[in-house]
N, C-alpha and C. Protein backbone atom coordinates (compact mmCIF):
# COMPACT_ATOMS: atom_id res chain seq x y z
N UNK A 1 30.46 -11.77 -20.73
CA UNK A 1 31.05 -11.38 -19.47
C UNK A 1 30.13 -11.83 -18.34
N UNK A 2 30.68 -12.41 -17.27
CA UNK A 2 29.86 -12.80 -16.12
C UNK A 2 29.24 -11.58 -15.45
N UNK A 3 28.15 -11.80 -14.75
CA UNK A 3 27.50 -10.73 -14.00
C UNK A 3 28.28 -10.40 -12.74
N UNK A 4 28.70 -11.45 -12.01
CA UNK A 4 29.38 -11.23 -10.74
C UNK A 4 30.28 -12.41 -10.42
N UNK A 5 31.16 -12.18 -9.46
CA UNK A 5 32.00 -13.24 -8.91
C UNK A 5 31.76 -13.26 -7.42
N UNK A 6 31.42 -14.43 -6.89
CA UNK A 6 31.12 -14.60 -5.48
C UNK A 6 32.24 -15.40 -4.84
N UNK A 7 32.73 -14.92 -3.69
CA UNK A 7 33.77 -15.62 -2.95
C UNK A 7 33.27 -15.91 -1.56
N UNK A 8 33.40 -17.18 -1.14
CA UNK A 8 33.05 -17.54 0.23
C UNK A 8 34.19 -17.14 1.14
N UNK A 9 33.90 -16.31 2.14
CA UNK A 9 34.92 -15.78 3.03
C UNK A 9 35.13 -16.65 4.27
N UNK A 10 34.24 -17.59 4.48
CA UNK A 10 34.25 -18.38 5.71
C UNK A 10 33.30 -17.76 6.71
N UNK A 11 33.00 -18.50 7.76
CA UNK A 11 32.14 -18.02 8.83
C UNK A 11 30.79 -17.53 8.31
N UNK A 12 30.29 -18.20 7.27
CA UNK A 12 28.96 -17.96 6.67
C UNK A 12 28.83 -16.61 5.97
N UNK A 13 29.95 -16.05 5.53
CA UNK A 13 29.96 -14.76 4.84
C UNK A 13 30.45 -14.94 3.40
N UNK A 14 29.92 -14.10 2.52
CA UNK A 14 30.40 -14.05 1.13
C UNK A 14 30.67 -12.61 0.74
N UNK A 15 31.46 -12.46 -0.29
CA UNK A 15 31.58 -11.16 -0.94
C UNK A 15 31.29 -11.37 -2.42
N UNK A 16 30.55 -10.45 -2.98
CA UNK A 16 30.20 -10.50 -4.40
C UNK A 16 30.75 -9.25 -5.06
N UNK A 17 31.33 -9.43 -6.23
CA UNK A 17 31.85 -8.31 -7.00
C UNK A 17 31.06 -8.24 -8.31
N UNK A 18 30.45 -7.10 -8.55
CA UNK A 18 29.76 -6.85 -9.81
C UNK A 18 30.84 -6.59 -10.86
N UNK A 19 30.91 -7.44 -11.85
CA UNK A 19 32.04 -7.41 -12.78
C UNK A 19 32.15 -6.10 -13.56
N UNK A 20 31.04 -5.54 -13.98
CA UNK A 20 31.10 -4.33 -14.80
C UNK A 20 31.57 -3.13 -13.99
N UNK A 21 30.99 -2.95 -12.79
CA UNK A 21 31.29 -1.75 -12.00
C UNK A 21 32.36 -1.97 -10.93
N UNK A 22 32.61 -3.23 -10.63
CA UNK A 22 33.53 -3.61 -9.56
C UNK A 22 33.03 -3.21 -8.17
N UNK A 23 31.73 -2.94 -8.03
CA UNK A 23 31.18 -2.68 -6.70
C UNK A 23 31.04 -4.01 -5.94
N UNK A 24 31.04 -3.91 -4.60
CA UNK A 24 31.05 -5.09 -3.74
C UNK A 24 29.81 -5.16 -2.87
N UNK A 25 29.38 -6.38 -2.61
CA UNK A 25 28.30 -6.64 -1.66
C UNK A 25 28.78 -7.77 -0.75
N UNK A 26 28.56 -7.60 0.54
CA UNK A 26 28.87 -8.66 1.50
C UNK A 26 27.56 -9.24 2.02
N UNK A 27 27.50 -10.55 2.16
CA UNK A 27 26.34 -11.18 2.80
C UNK A 27 26.80 -11.93 4.04
N UNK A 28 25.87 -12.09 4.96
CA UNK A 28 26.10 -12.85 6.19
C UNK A 28 24.83 -13.63 6.48
N UNK A 29 24.98 -14.78 7.09
CA UNK A 29 23.80 -15.56 7.48
C UNK A 29 23.05 -14.80 8.58
N UNK A 30 21.72 -14.94 8.62
CA UNK A 30 20.94 -14.26 9.66
C UNK A 30 21.12 -14.92 11.03
N UNK A 31 20.77 -14.19 12.07
CA UNK A 31 20.89 -14.71 13.43
C UNK A 31 20.13 -16.03 13.62
N UNK A 32 18.95 -16.13 13.00
CA UNK A 32 18.14 -17.33 13.19
C UNK A 32 18.61 -18.50 12.33
N UNK A 33 19.74 -18.32 11.62
CA UNK A 33 20.28 -19.42 10.82
C UNK A 33 21.80 -19.47 10.95
N UNK A 34 22.27 -19.41 12.21
CA UNK A 34 23.67 -19.62 12.55
C UNK A 34 24.60 -18.46 12.20
N UNK A 35 24.07 -17.32 11.78
CA UNK A 35 24.92 -16.21 11.38
C UNK A 35 25.03 -15.13 12.42
N UNK A 36 25.71 -14.06 12.04
CA UNK A 36 25.91 -12.91 12.90
C UNK A 36 25.03 -11.72 12.50
N UNK A 37 24.37 -11.81 11.34
CA UNK A 37 23.51 -10.74 10.84
C UNK A 37 24.24 -9.41 10.76
N UNK A 38 25.47 -9.45 10.29
CA UNK A 38 26.28 -8.24 10.18
C UNK A 38 26.19 -7.63 8.77
N UNK A 39 25.40 -8.22 7.92
CA UNK A 39 25.18 -7.72 6.56
C UNK A 39 23.87 -8.31 6.07
N UNK A 40 23.45 -7.90 4.89
CA UNK A 40 22.27 -8.52 4.28
C UNK A 40 22.50 -10.02 4.17
N UNK A 41 21.45 -10.80 4.46
CA UNK A 41 21.51 -12.23 4.17
C UNK A 41 21.12 -12.41 2.71
N UNK A 42 21.39 -13.57 2.13
CA UNK A 42 20.95 -13.79 0.75
C UNK A 42 19.45 -13.59 0.55
N UNK A 43 18.63 -14.05 1.51
CA UNK A 43 17.19 -13.85 1.35
C UNK A 43 16.78 -12.40 1.59
N UNK A 44 17.52 -11.67 2.43
CA UNK A 44 17.28 -10.23 2.56
C UNK A 44 17.47 -9.56 1.20
N UNK A 45 18.52 -9.99 0.50
CA UNK A 45 18.81 -9.39 -0.80
C UNK A 45 17.70 -9.67 -1.81
N UNK A 46 17.10 -10.85 -1.74
CA UNK A 46 15.98 -11.16 -2.64
C UNK A 46 14.83 -10.19 -2.38
N UNK A 47 14.46 -10.04 -1.11
CA UNK A 47 13.35 -9.14 -0.76
C UNK A 47 13.68 -7.70 -1.14
N UNK A 48 14.89 -7.28 -0.82
CA UNK A 48 15.33 -5.93 -1.15
C UNK A 48 15.36 -5.71 -2.66
N UNK A 49 15.74 -6.75 -3.39
CA UNK A 49 15.80 -6.64 -4.85
C UNK A 49 14.43 -6.35 -5.46
N UNK A 50 13.37 -6.88 -4.84
CA UNK A 50 12.04 -6.58 -5.36
C UNK A 50 11.78 -5.08 -5.27
N UNK A 51 12.08 -4.47 -4.13
CA UNK A 51 11.84 -3.03 -3.97
C UNK A 51 12.71 -2.21 -4.92
N UNK A 52 13.99 -2.57 -5.04
CA UNK A 52 14.87 -1.79 -5.91
C UNK A 52 14.46 -1.94 -7.37
N UNK A 53 14.01 -3.12 -7.74
CA UNK A 53 13.55 -3.34 -9.12
C UNK A 53 12.28 -2.54 -9.40
N UNK A 54 11.37 -2.52 -8.44
CA UNK A 54 10.13 -1.75 -8.61
C UNK A 54 10.45 -0.27 -8.79
N UNK A 55 11.38 0.26 -7.97
CA UNK A 55 11.77 1.65 -8.12
C UNK A 55 12.45 1.91 -9.46
N UNK A 56 13.24 0.96 -9.92
CA UNK A 56 13.94 1.14 -11.20
C UNK A 56 12.96 1.28 -12.35
N UNK A 57 11.98 0.37 -12.44
CA UNK A 57 11.03 0.47 -13.56
C UNK A 57 10.10 1.67 -13.40
N UNK A 58 9.75 2.01 -12.14
CA UNK A 58 8.96 3.22 -11.94
C UNK A 58 9.76 4.45 -12.32
N UNK A 59 11.06 4.45 -12.01
CA UNK A 59 11.92 5.57 -12.38
C UNK A 59 12.00 5.76 -13.88
N UNK A 60 12.09 4.65 -14.61
CA UNK A 60 12.11 4.73 -16.08
C UNK A 60 10.80 5.32 -16.59
N UNK A 61 9.68 4.80 -16.07
CA UNK A 61 8.37 5.30 -16.51
C UNK A 61 8.18 6.76 -16.10
N UNK A 62 8.60 7.11 -14.88
CA UNK A 62 8.46 8.49 -14.41
C UNK A 62 9.27 9.43 -15.28
N UNK A 63 10.48 9.03 -15.64
CA UNK A 63 11.31 9.87 -16.52
C UNK A 63 10.62 10.07 -17.86
N UNK A 64 10.06 8.99 -18.42
CA UNK A 64 9.33 9.10 -19.69
C UNK A 64 8.13 10.03 -19.58
N UNK A 65 7.51 10.06 -18.39
CA UNK A 65 6.33 10.90 -18.16
C UNK A 65 6.72 12.29 -17.67
N UNK A 66 8.01 12.53 -17.51
CA UNK A 66 8.54 13.80 -17.03
C UNK A 66 8.01 14.15 -15.64
N UNK A 67 8.00 13.14 -14.76
CA UNK A 67 7.69 13.37 -13.35
C UNK A 67 8.88 12.87 -12.52
N UNK A 68 9.02 13.45 -11.35
CA UNK A 68 10.17 13.15 -10.49
C UNK A 68 9.71 12.33 -9.29
N UNK A 69 10.32 11.17 -9.08
CA UNK A 69 10.00 10.35 -7.90
C UNK A 69 11.17 10.28 -6.92
N UNK A 70 12.18 11.12 -7.14
CA UNK A 70 13.34 11.14 -6.25
C UNK A 70 12.90 11.41 -4.81
N UNK A 71 13.53 10.73 -3.89
CA UNK A 71 13.21 10.87 -2.47
C UNK A 71 12.17 9.89 -1.98
N UNK A 72 11.55 9.14 -2.90
CA UNK A 72 10.59 8.12 -2.50
C UNK A 72 11.34 7.00 -1.77
N UNK A 73 10.66 6.35 -0.84
CA UNK A 73 11.30 5.31 -0.04
C UNK A 73 10.45 4.05 0.02
N UNK A 74 11.10 2.95 0.35
CA UNK A 74 10.40 1.68 0.54
C UNK A 74 10.92 1.02 1.81
N UNK A 75 10.01 0.53 2.62
CA UNK A 75 10.36 -0.27 3.79
C UNK A 75 10.02 -1.71 3.45
N UNK A 76 11.02 -2.58 3.54
CA UNK A 76 10.88 -3.97 3.10
C UNK A 76 10.90 -4.89 4.31
N UNK A 77 9.91 -5.79 4.37
CA UNK A 77 9.87 -6.82 5.41
C UNK A 77 9.80 -8.17 4.73
N UNK A 78 10.72 -9.04 5.10
CA UNK A 78 10.79 -10.40 4.56
C UNK A 78 10.23 -11.35 5.60
N UNK A 79 9.32 -12.23 5.18
CA UNK A 79 8.73 -13.24 6.06
C UNK A 79 9.26 -14.60 5.63
N UNK A 80 9.87 -15.29 6.58
CA UNK A 80 10.43 -16.61 6.30
C UNK A 80 9.50 -17.71 6.80
N UNK A 81 9.50 -18.81 6.07
CA UNK A 81 8.75 -19.99 6.46
C UNK A 81 9.72 -21.13 6.71
N UNK A 82 9.16 -22.25 7.12
CA UNK A 82 9.97 -23.43 7.40
C UNK A 82 9.44 -24.61 6.59
N UNK A 83 10.29 -25.63 6.48
CA UNK A 83 9.92 -26.90 5.85
C UNK A 83 9.34 -26.72 4.45
N UNK A 84 10.06 -26.28 3.48
CA UNK A 84 11.48 -25.92 3.58
C UNK A 84 11.64 -24.46 4.00
N UNK A 85 12.82 -24.14 4.52
CA UNK A 85 13.13 -22.76 4.89
C UNK A 85 13.18 -21.95 3.61
N UNK A 86 12.31 -20.95 3.52
CA UNK A 86 12.21 -20.13 2.31
C UNK A 86 11.44 -18.87 2.61
N UNK A 87 11.51 -17.94 1.70
CA UNK A 87 10.72 -16.71 1.80
C UNK A 87 9.27 -17.08 1.49
N UNK A 88 8.36 -16.70 2.37
CA UNK A 88 6.94 -16.95 2.10
C UNK A 88 6.20 -15.67 1.73
N UNK A 89 6.73 -14.52 2.16
CA UNK A 89 6.07 -13.25 1.83
C UNK A 89 7.09 -12.12 1.87
N UNK A 90 6.83 -11.14 1.02
CA UNK A 90 7.60 -9.90 1.03
C UNK A 90 6.59 -8.77 1.14
N UNK A 91 6.75 -7.97 2.20
CA UNK A 91 5.87 -6.83 2.43
C UNK A 91 6.67 -5.56 2.14
N UNK A 92 6.12 -4.70 1.31
CA UNK A 92 6.81 -3.46 0.97
C UNK A 92 5.83 -2.30 1.13
N UNK A 93 6.24 -1.33 1.92
CA UNK A 93 5.49 -0.08 2.07
C UNK A 93 6.28 0.99 1.34
N UNK A 94 5.68 1.54 0.29
CA UNK A 94 6.33 2.54 -0.54
C UNK A 94 5.71 3.90 -0.26
N UNK A 95 6.57 4.86 0.04
CA UNK A 95 6.12 6.24 0.21
C UNK A 95 6.65 7.02 -0.98
N UNK A 96 5.73 7.48 -1.82
CA UNK A 96 6.08 8.22 -3.02
C UNK A 96 6.06 9.71 -2.70
N UNK A 97 7.19 10.36 -2.94
CA UNK A 97 7.32 11.79 -2.67
C UNK A 97 6.98 12.58 -3.93
N UNK A 98 6.06 13.49 -3.79
CA UNK A 98 5.67 14.33 -4.91
C UNK A 98 4.17 14.51 -4.96
N UNK A 99 3.73 15.32 -5.87
CA UNK A 99 2.30 15.60 -6.06
C UNK A 99 1.90 15.01 -7.41
N UNK A 100 1.14 13.92 -7.37
CA UNK A 100 0.81 13.17 -8.58
C UNK A 100 -0.70 13.11 -8.76
N UNK A 101 -1.15 13.19 -10.00
CA UNK A 101 -2.57 13.01 -10.26
C UNK A 101 -2.90 11.52 -10.23
N UNK A 102 -4.18 11.20 -10.19
CA UNK A 102 -4.59 9.80 -10.03
C UNK A 102 -4.15 8.92 -11.20
N UNK A 103 -4.13 9.46 -12.41
CA UNK A 103 -3.68 8.68 -13.57
C UNK A 103 -2.21 8.30 -13.42
N UNK A 104 -1.37 9.25 -13.02
CA UNK A 104 0.06 8.98 -12.84
C UNK A 104 0.27 7.95 -11.74
N UNK A 105 -0.48 8.07 -10.64
CA UNK A 105 -0.37 7.10 -9.55
C UNK A 105 -0.68 5.69 -10.05
N UNK A 106 -1.75 5.55 -10.80
CA UNK A 106 -2.15 4.24 -11.31
C UNK A 106 -1.09 3.68 -12.25
N UNK A 107 -0.58 4.52 -13.14
CA UNK A 107 0.45 4.06 -14.08
C UNK A 107 1.69 3.60 -13.33
N UNK A 108 2.14 4.38 -12.36
CA UNK A 108 3.36 4.01 -11.63
C UNK A 108 3.16 2.76 -10.78
N UNK A 109 2.01 2.63 -10.13
CA UNK A 109 1.74 1.42 -9.35
C UNK A 109 1.71 0.18 -10.24
N UNK A 110 1.05 0.28 -11.37
CA UNK A 110 0.99 -0.85 -12.29
C UNK A 110 2.36 -1.17 -12.87
N UNK A 111 3.13 -0.14 -13.17
CA UNK A 111 4.48 -0.34 -13.69
C UNK A 111 5.34 -1.10 -12.68
N UNK A 112 5.24 -0.73 -11.41
CA UNK A 112 6.05 -1.38 -10.36
C UNK A 112 5.84 -2.89 -10.37
N UNK A 113 4.63 -3.32 -10.65
CA UNK A 113 4.30 -4.75 -10.61
C UNK A 113 4.64 -5.47 -11.90
N UNK A 114 5.38 -4.79 -12.77
CA UNK A 114 5.85 -5.44 -14.00
C UNK A 114 7.37 -5.65 -13.99
N UNK A 115 8.00 -5.34 -12.87
CA UNK A 115 9.47 -5.43 -12.85
C UNK A 115 9.93 -6.88 -12.98
N UNK A 116 11.13 -7.09 -13.50
CA UNK A 116 11.63 -8.45 -13.70
C UNK A 116 11.72 -9.28 -12.42
N UNK A 117 12.06 -8.67 -11.29
CA UNK A 117 12.13 -9.45 -10.06
C UNK A 117 10.74 -9.93 -9.66
N UNK A 118 9.74 -9.07 -9.79
CA UNK A 118 8.34 -9.44 -9.50
C UNK A 118 7.99 -10.72 -10.26
N UNK A 119 8.31 -10.74 -11.54
CA UNK A 119 7.96 -11.88 -12.38
C UNK A 119 8.88 -13.08 -12.19
N UNK A 120 10.03 -12.88 -11.56
CA UNK A 120 10.98 -13.97 -11.34
C UNK A 120 10.73 -14.72 -10.03
N UNK A 121 10.04 -14.09 -9.10
CA UNK A 121 9.77 -14.74 -7.82
C UNK A 121 8.74 -15.86 -7.98
N UNK A 122 8.90 -16.92 -7.19
CA UNK A 122 7.96 -18.03 -7.23
C UNK A 122 6.55 -17.51 -6.92
N UNK A 123 5.55 -17.99 -7.63
CA UNK A 123 4.18 -17.49 -7.43
C UNK A 123 3.64 -17.71 -6.01
N UNK A 124 4.21 -18.66 -5.26
CA UNK A 124 3.74 -18.89 -3.89
C UNK A 124 4.25 -17.83 -2.92
N UNK A 125 5.23 -17.01 -3.33
CA UNK A 125 5.69 -15.93 -2.45
C UNK A 125 4.68 -14.80 -2.54
N UNK A 126 4.06 -14.48 -1.39
CA UNK A 126 3.09 -13.38 -1.36
C UNK A 126 3.83 -12.06 -1.47
N UNK A 127 3.34 -11.21 -2.35
CA UNK A 127 3.91 -9.88 -2.52
C UNK A 127 2.85 -8.89 -2.05
N UNK A 128 3.06 -8.33 -0.87
CA UNK A 128 2.11 -7.41 -0.26
C UNK A 128 2.68 -6.00 -0.37
N UNK A 129 2.14 -5.23 -1.31
CA UNK A 129 2.68 -3.92 -1.64
C UNK A 129 1.66 -2.85 -1.26
N UNK A 130 2.12 -1.85 -0.53
CA UNK A 130 1.27 -0.72 -0.15
C UNK A 130 1.93 0.57 -0.62
N UNK A 131 1.19 1.36 -1.35
CA UNK A 131 1.67 2.66 -1.82
C UNK A 131 1.06 3.77 -0.96
N UNK A 132 1.88 4.67 -0.51
CA UNK A 132 1.44 5.87 0.19
C UNK A 132 1.94 7.05 -0.64
N UNK A 133 1.02 7.90 -1.04
CA UNK A 133 1.36 9.04 -1.89
C UNK A 133 1.41 10.28 -1.03
N UNK A 134 2.61 10.79 -0.82
CA UNK A 134 2.88 11.88 0.11
C UNK A 134 3.12 13.18 -0.66
N UNK A 135 2.18 14.10 -0.56
CA UNK A 135 2.37 15.40 -1.21
C UNK A 135 3.41 16.20 -0.45
N UNK A 136 4.41 16.71 -1.19
CA UNK A 136 5.39 17.58 -0.55
C UNK A 136 5.49 18.88 -1.33
C-alpha cells in the first residue's frame, strides 16, 4: 500500500492524503519562493518532521520507562541557504514538561537523536537541538 497520494492543486499548492488514515496535509510555497505561505512549505515539513520524530521516539522510550512527557513542546526554526536553495540548519528548542532525574534526561536526549528523520537528513544539515527541562 502506498504511504500517501499527493495532488498538485495549482498556484504552488499541494494536498497530500495519508492512505491509511485518510488525513490531509496542504502545502504552499513560502513567501520568499513565489508562494503565499498559507500552509507549511515542503521544507517547513522537513524541519517539523525532525521535531515530531524526536518526540515520537522519546515518547516510546518514556512509556517504556513509565514517565510522562505529555505537554512538552518544541519550537522549530528552519534556516535556508542558496546555491542550491536548501535547508542548511534546523534549530529546535525543546521544553520538556515534568520532573525528571538526570539519568532519565540523558536517556531521553540521546533517544531523540536516534530518530529516523535525524538519520535521514543530509549530514551537511546542522541540527541544533536545545533541551530545557521544566519542572511542573
